[in-house]
Structure formats: C-alpha cells, structure tokens
Protein backbone atom coordinates (compact mmCIF):
# COMPACT_ATOMS: atom_id res chain seq x y z
CA MET A 1 -48.49 51.31 24.65
CA ASN A 2 -48.98 53.65 21.74
CA PRO A 3 -45.92 55.87 21.23
CA ASP A 4 -48.03 58.33 19.27
CA ARG A 5 -49.80 59.15 22.52
CA TYR A 6 -46.53 60.24 24.22
CA THR A 7 -44.92 63.65 24.12
CA ILE A 8 -41.69 63.93 22.22
CA LYS A 9 -39.74 64.25 25.50
CA ALA A 10 -41.39 61.13 26.95
CA GLN A 11 -40.63 59.21 23.74
CA GLU A 12 -36.99 60.40 23.88
CA ILE A 13 -36.61 59.15 27.44
CA LEU A 14 -38.08 55.73 26.59
CA GLN A 15 -35.76 55.48 23.56
CA GLN A 16 -32.79 56.56 25.66
CA ILE A 17 -33.35 53.95 28.35
CA ALA A 18 -33.78 51.23 25.75
CA ARG A 19 -30.50 52.23 24.07
CA GLU A 20 -28.65 52.41 27.39
CA ALA A 21 -30.04 49.07 28.60
CA ARG A 22 -28.98 47.41 25.32
CA SER A 23 -25.48 48.95 25.42
CA ASP A 24 -25.06 47.90 29.08
CA GLY A 25 -26.07 44.30 28.25
CA HIS A 26 -29.34 44.37 30.22
CA PRO A 27 -31.88 41.93 28.79
CA GLU A 28 -34.76 44.06 30.00
CA VAL A 29 -35.53 47.77 30.36
CA THR A 30 -36.91 48.16 33.87
CA PRO A 31 -38.56 50.81 36.03
CA ASP A 32 -35.11 51.35 37.55
CA HIS A 33 -33.85 52.46 34.12
CA LEU A 34 -36.79 54.86 33.82
CA ALA A 35 -36.31 56.35 37.30
CA ALA A 36 -32.56 56.85 36.72
CA ALA A 37 -33.22 58.63 33.42
CA LEU A 38 -35.96 60.82 34.88
CA ALA A 39 -33.86 61.83 37.90
CA SER A 40 -30.81 62.66 35.84
CA ASP A 41 -32.61 64.60 33.10
CA ALA A 42 -31.38 68.20 33.31
CA SER A 43 -34.56 69.69 31.81
CA VAL A 44 -37.09 67.84 33.93
CA GLY A 45 -35.78 65.57 36.69
CA VAL A 46 -33.21 67.81 38.30
CA PRO A 47 -35.57 70.82 38.57
CA LEU A 48 -38.33 68.56 39.95
CA LEU A 49 -36.07 67.03 42.60
CA THR A 50 -34.97 70.57 43.55
CA ARG A 51 -38.55 71.79 43.74
CA ILE A 52 -39.57 68.88 45.97
CA GLY A 53 -36.48 69.32 48.17
CA ALA A 54 -34.97 65.89 47.45
CA PRO A 55 -31.18 65.59 47.43
CA GLY A 56 -30.81 65.42 43.65
CA GLY A 57 -27.20 64.30 43.47
CA VAL A 58 -27.75 61.54 46.06
CA VAL A 59 -30.93 60.31 44.37
CA THR A 60 -29.32 60.28 40.94
CA ALA A 61 -26.26 58.39 42.24
CA GLU A 62 -28.34 55.82 44.10
CA LEU A 63 -30.54 55.19 41.07
CA ALA A 64 -27.50 54.81 38.83
CA SER A 65 -26.13 52.27 41.31
CA LEU A 66 -29.38 50.31 41.17
CA VAL A 67 -29.15 50.18 37.35
CA SER A 68 -25.51 49.13 37.41
CA ARG A 69 -26.42 46.10 39.53
CA LEU A 70 -29.08 44.80 37.13
CA PRO A 71 -28.40 41.45 35.46
CA LYS A 72 -26.39 41.45 32.22
CA VAL A 73 -26.19 39.08 29.28
CA GLN A 74 -23.57 38.70 26.60
CA GLY A 75 -23.58 37.20 23.15
CA ALA A 76 -25.22 37.59 19.83
CA GLY A 77 -28.98 37.49 19.56
CA ALA A 78 -29.66 38.97 22.99
CA GLU A 79 -32.59 41.32 22.44
CA THR A 80 -33.48 43.96 25.00
CA ARG A 81 -37.17 44.35 25.74
CA PHE A 82 -39.37 46.33 28.10
CA SER A 83 -39.89 44.29 31.26
CA PRO A 84 -43.44 43.40 32.40
CA ALA A 85 -42.85 45.68 35.40
CA LEU A 86 -42.02 48.66 33.11
CA VAL A 87 -45.05 47.94 30.95
CA LYS A 88 -47.21 48.16 34.10
CA VAL A 89 -45.58 51.50 34.99
CA LEU A 90 -46.35 52.78 31.45
CA ASP A 91 -49.94 51.57 31.85
CA ARG A 92 -50.15 53.53 35.13
CA ALA A 93 -48.69 56.59 33.38
CA GLU A 94 -51.41 56.37 30.73
CA GLU A 95 -54.02 56.12 33.49
CA VAL A 96 -52.59 59.26 35.14
CA ALA A 97 -52.71 61.12 31.79
CA ARG A 98 -56.39 60.15 31.40
CA GLU A 99 -57.13 61.31 34.98
CA PHE A 100 -55.49 64.64 34.16
CA ARG A 101 -57.56 64.73 30.95
CA ASP A 102 -54.34 65.09 28.99
CA ASP A 103 -54.15 64.02 25.37
CA TYR A 104 -50.55 62.85 25.65
CA VAL A 105 -48.43 61.01 28.18
CA ALA A 106 -45.72 63.42 29.35
CA VAL A 107 -42.68 62.97 31.60
CA GLU A 108 -44.63 63.84 34.74
CA HIS A 109 -47.06 61.04 33.95
CA LEU A 110 -44.15 58.61 33.65
CA LEU A 111 -42.89 59.63 37.07
CA LEU A 112 -46.34 59.44 38.64
CA GLY A 113 -46.93 56.06 37.03
CA LEU A 114 -43.65 54.84 38.52
CA LEU A 115 -44.57 56.12 41.99
CA ARG A 116 -48.17 54.91 41.78
CA ASP A 117 -47.07 51.41 40.83
CA GLY A 118 -44.62 51.52 43.71
CA LYS A 119 -43.29 47.99 43.32
CA SER A 120 -39.80 48.74 41.96
CA LYS A 121 -36.67 49.33 44.01
CA ALA A 122 -36.41 52.68 42.29
CA ALA A 123 -39.88 53.73 43.46
CA GLY A 124 -38.96 52.79 47.00
CA LEU A 125 -35.71 54.77 46.78
CA LEU A 126 -37.52 57.84 45.41
CA LYS A 127 -40.11 57.67 48.18
CA LYS A 128 -37.33 57.30 50.78
CA HIS A 129 -36.00 60.70 49.60
CA GLY A 130 -39.40 62.41 49.68
CA VAL A 131 -40.30 61.98 46.00
CA THR A 132 -43.84 60.83 46.62
CA GLU A 133 -46.96 61.04 44.49
CA ALA A 134 -48.27 63.81 46.76
CA ALA A 135 -45.04 65.82 46.53
CA VAL A 136 -44.95 65.53 42.71
CA LEU A 137 -48.64 66.51 42.46
CA ALA A 138 -47.98 69.56 44.66
CA ALA A 139 -45.03 70.58 42.48
CA LEU A 140 -47.09 70.06 39.35
CA LYS A 141 -49.91 72.20 40.72
CA GLU A 142 -47.42 75.07 41.30
CA VAL A 143 -45.88 74.84 37.88
CA ARG A 144 -48.58 73.48 35.64
CA GLY A 145 -51.74 74.72 37.28
CA SER A 146 -54.77 73.51 35.34
CA SER A 147 -53.08 73.49 31.90
CA ARG A 148 -53.31 70.31 29.87
CA VAL A 149 -50.87 68.32 27.77
CA ASP A 150 -52.58 68.57 24.39
CA ASP A 151 -49.54 68.91 22.14
CA PRO A 152 -46.89 66.18 21.73
CA TYR A 153 -44.27 68.87 21.21
CA ALA A 154 -45.18 70.68 24.42
CA GLU A 155 -42.29 71.31 26.78
CA ASP A 156 -42.49 69.43 30.05
CA LYS A 157 -42.41 72.11 32.75
CA TYR A 158 -40.68 72.07 36.10
C-alpha cells in the first residue's frame, strides 16, 4: 500500500480507523473498522447509503456493534496494525482504481474493495442491506459519470 496513491479523504479515513482501533484497544484494524467509518462518514457514506436506499442509521449502528465486539488487548507495548484481511481489502481497492483508470484510490474504491473481497462480517452486513457492488457502481455512474480520480485533493462525490 502506497499512501501517496490515495486521495486525502481516503488517507484520512485510514488514519481515523487506525486511531480509533488503537484507542479502543483493538490489536488490529479490520475491514469492520473500515466499513463502520465509511458508513458513518457524513460527507460520503451517509449520502451513498441514502442514494442506494439502504437504512443508513440501521447499517451504521450494526457496523458499530460489530466493531465494539472485536477483541481487545491491554497493556504497554500493544501495537495496532492493519490486519491481513484489511490489507487484502486495500489491495482490492487498488485493483478497482486501476480498473477505473483512476490515478488515486478514493473512498469509493475502498468501499468497492471491501464489497469485492466479501469475506468480512461487515461486507456481509452491507450486502444484507442492499449495499452491493452493483448498487454502488450504479450510484457512482449517476454521480461520477466517466470522470476520473486524477487529483489526490479531489472531493469524493455522492
């Protein structure tokens, strides 16, 4: 993962989930952390869930509940790291960005990477509420059209 290839917003979300996981005592940052952050983000996640027709408040609450049940550790020296599952999701997000011919990985790529990987509890929960790869792609087509992500400072649009 090369953070220089991520938009500012995508970098902020990854930094946010790492901070939150560390402060909550989670030894790993997981796809569940990512999904919860994406769904609760007022500038991206909430408008996307609304556009897709998913029950935003319910999805956000269920994802937060998933995160709260993750294992915790206490004590000095406990270092939080990205889980192998999250690294796979990030790899998928980078694949999606390449398929879109985008220069940077944006928030929509993170979400599509999460859904495409599909192995996390969070991905299953999102799909249960209608947040599927097809639904996200349809919403992106409406909002984004054929524009590309070629600026790391570009606003993620929903």
